[in-house]
Protein backbone atom coordinates (compact mmCIF):
# COMPACT_ATOMS: atom_id res chain seq x y z
CA MET A 1 -12.55 9.16 2.16
CA PHE A 2 -9.73 7.02 0.85
CA SER A 3 -7.77 7.00 -2.38
CA ILE A 4 -4.34 6.18 -3.71
CA SER A 5 -3.31 6.89 -7.28
CA PHE A 6 -0.66 8.25 -9.59
CA GLU A 7 -0.81 11.65 -11.17
CA PRO A 8 -0.95 11.63 -14.97
CA GLN A 9 2.54 11.36 -16.41
CA SER A 10 3.64 14.47 -18.27
CA SER A 11 5.97 14.26 -21.24
CA SER A 12 8.62 16.21 -19.32
CA SER A 13 8.53 13.99 -16.22
CA SER A 14 11.03 11.26 -15.47
CA ARG A 15 10.04 7.77 -16.56
CA ARG A 16 11.92 6.34 -13.56
CA ILE A 17 9.70 7.95 -10.90
CA ALA A 18 5.92 8.28 -10.69
CA ILE A 19 4.29 10.87 -8.43
CA GLY A 20 1.34 9.60 -6.45
CA THR A 21 -1.08 10.81 -3.82
CA LEU A 22 -2.50 8.94 -0.84
CA THR A 23 -5.64 10.43 0.76
CA ILE A 24 -7.02 9.23 4.09
CA GLY A 25 -9.91 11.39 5.26
CA ALA A 26 -8.72 15.02 5.36
CA PHE A 27 -5.04 13.94 5.22
CA SER A 28 -3.29 13.83 1.85
CA GLU A 29 0.34 13.10 1.04
CA ARG A 30 2.24 13.00 -2.22
CA PHE A 31 4.91 10.35 -2.71
CA GLU A 32 7.51 9.35 -5.28
CA ALA A 33 7.37 5.75 -6.46
CA PRO A 34 10.51 4.45 -8.18
CA LEU A 35 9.78 2.57 -11.41
CA HIS A 36 13.00 0.55 -11.63
CA TYR A 37 11.54 -2.65 -10.16
CA TRP A 38 7.75 -2.19 -10.26
CA SER A 39 5.80 -0.47 -13.04
CA ARG A 40 2.91 1.91 -12.44
CA ALA A 41 0.54 -0.98 -13.19
CA ALA A 42 2.32 -3.24 -10.66
CA TYR A 43 1.88 -0.65 -7.90
CA GLU A 44 -1.77 -0.14 -8.82
CA CYS A 45 -2.45 -3.88 -8.86
CA HIS A 46 -0.73 -4.24 -5.47
CA TRP A 47 -2.79 -1.37 -3.99
CA ARG A 48 -6.06 -2.90 -5.15
CA GLU A 49 -5.05 -6.27 -3.70
CA ALA A 50 -3.99 -4.67 -0.40
CA VAL A 51 -7.25 -2.73 -0.06
CA SER A 52 -9.31 -5.76 -1.14
CA ARG A 53 -7.73 -7.84 1.62
CA VAL A 54 -8.98 -5.42 4.28
CA VAL A 55 -12.45 -5.11 2.72
CA CYS A 56 -12.71 -8.91 2.65
CA GLY A 57 -11.98 -9.16 6.38
CA ARG A 58 -8.24 -9.59 6.70
CA LYS A 59 -6.96 -7.86 9.84
CA ARG A 60 -3.64 -6.68 8.33
CA SER A 61 -2.48 -5.39 4.98
CA ALA A 62 -0.19 -2.67 3.60
CA LEU A 63 0.15 -0.26 0.70
CA ILE A 64 3.67 -0.19 -0.72
CA THR A 65 4.54 3.22 -2.19
CA SER A 66 8.26 2.74 -2.78
CA MET A 67 9.47 -0.64 -4.05
CA MET A 68 13.03 -1.34 -5.15
CA GLU A 69 14.83 -4.56 -6.12
CA PRO A 70 14.75 -6.42 -2.77
CA ALA A 71 18.28 -7.81 -3.21
CA TYR A 72 19.72 -4.28 -3.36
CA ALA A 73 17.34 -2.16 -1.28
CA ASN A 74 17.84 -1.28 2.38
CA PHE A 75 14.18 -0.48 2.95
CA PHE A 76 10.78 0.07 1.37
CA GLU A 77 8.20 2.69 2.20
CA TRP A 78 4.81 1.32 3.02
CA TRP A 79 1.59 2.13 4.82
CA PRO A 80 0.47 -0.77 7.06
CA MET A 81 -3.28 -1.06 7.54
CA TRP A 82 -5.17 -2.75 10.36
CA ARG A 83 -8.87 -3.47 10.31
CA ALA A 84 -10.64 -2.75 13.60
CA GLY A 85 -14.32 -3.52 13.06
CA ALA A 86 -15.72 -0.99 10.57
CA GLN A 87 -12.61 1.21 10.89
CA VAL A 88 -9.20 0.92 9.24
CA LEU A 89 -6.08 2.27 10.97
CA ILE A 90 -3.22 3.34 8.69
CA GLN A 91 0.38 4.33 9.53
CA ASN A 92 3.43 5.27 7.47
CA HIS A 93 6.48 3.01 8.03
CA LEU A 94 9.82 2.06 6.57
CA LEU A 95 10.20 -1.68 6.18
CA PHE A 96 13.87 -2.63 6.46
CA THR A 97 14.95 -5.52 4.24
CA SER A 98 17.16 -6.89 7.03
CA GLN A 99 13.91 -8.25 8.53
CA PHE A 100 13.53 -10.75 5.67
CA ARG A 101 14.82 -14.29 5.72
CA GLY A 102 15.55 -15.63 2.27
CA ASP A 103 15.57 -13.87 -1.06
CA ARG A 104 11.93 -14.77 -1.81
CA ALA A 105 10.50 -13.54 1.50
CA PHE A 106 9.18 -10.33 -0.01
CA LEU A 107 6.96 -12.19 -2.46
CA PHE A 108 4.45 -12.17 0.42
CA PRO A 109 4.75 -8.64 1.84
CA PHE A 110 1.55 -8.80 3.91
CA ARG A 111 3.17 -11.39 6.17
CA HIS A 112 5.52 -8.66 7.41
CA VAL A 113 2.80 -6.35 8.76
CA PRO A 114 3.26 -6.37 12.55
CA PRO A 115 0.35 -6.52 14.97
CA HIS A 116 -1.17 -3.08 15.57
CA GLY A 117 0.34 -1.13 18.43
CA ARG A 118 3.72 -2.87 18.36
CA HIS A 119 6.49 -0.31 18.61
CA ARG A 120 9.73 -0.02 20.53
CA ARG A 121 9.53 0.95 24.16
CA GLY A 122 10.52 4.56 24.76
CA GLU A 123 9.83 5.63 21.17
CA PRO A 124 6.90 7.90 20.36
CA ARG A 125 3.85 6.30 18.85
CA PRO A 126 3.72 6.66 15.07
CA SER A 127 1.19 8.99 13.47
CA GLU A 128 -2.00 7.20 12.60
CA TRP A 129 -4.96 7.96 10.36
CA ARG A 130 -8.41 6.37 10.35
CA THR A 131 -10.87 5.69 7.61
CA SER A 132 -13.82 3.37 7.20
CA VAL A 133 -14.04 0.01 5.49
CA THR A 134 -16.83 1.61 3.44
CA SER A 135 -14.41 4.20 2.04
CA LEU A 136 -12.09 1.37 0.97
CA GLU A 137 -15.03 -0.39 -0.69
CA ARG A 138 -15.83 2.81 -2.61
CA PHE A 139 -12.20 3.01 -3.76
CA LEU A 140 -12.43 -0.54 -5.14
CA GLN A 141 -15.61 0.31 -7.01
CA LEU A 142 -13.84 3.05 -8.98
CA PRO A 143 -12.86 1.95 -12.49
CA SER A 144 -9.31 0.68 -12.63
CA ARG A 145 -6.86 1.89 -15.24
CA LEU A 146 -5.05 -1.43 -15.14
CA PRO A 147 -4.36 -2.88 -18.59
CA ASN A 148 -5.58 -6.38 -17.71
CA PRO A 149 -9.28 -6.54 -16.82
CA GLY A 150 -8.55 -9.78 -14.98
CA VAL A 151 -6.98 -7.83 -12.12
CA GLN A 152 -10.14 -5.83 -11.48
CA TRP A 153 -11.51 -6.29 -7.99
CA THR A 154 -14.02 -9.06 -7.60
CA ARG A 155 -15.92 -9.05 -4.35
CA CYS A 156 -13.91 -11.03 -1.83
CA ALA A 157 -12.13 -13.38 -4.15
CA ARG A 158 -9.66 -15.68 -2.43
CA HIS A 159 -6.82 -13.62 -0.92
């Protein structure tokens, strides 16, 4: 099973943060997504694109769950994904903005996903969760709440 979504916004909740949930198999984690730079719709569009990339055969992608203005942020929270046959490996990482060259480098976030298994010598391996490509396909088949029907998933459009 795989899903990523926002909880419905209550009238008492902050309009600057959206609460979301990422589910990978039996694992589930809530997260806070700042809404200063990206809107709820921007996150949701990004997630569908990221998942679609993996379904369409790309080896690397990532789900960003905390995006701030790149010029002022020190890091972003994201979940890199690696396709390994019919399986998808997912980890939770911080992506430090010091890795970027140029102020427009983050327009293409998927370029920053490292090869799977790359971590610093002597550090423990990061936690990792597995799901199937089929579970990502099922996620994409769910109706989107995005305001523009043009951003609905179309089977393996150019990515």
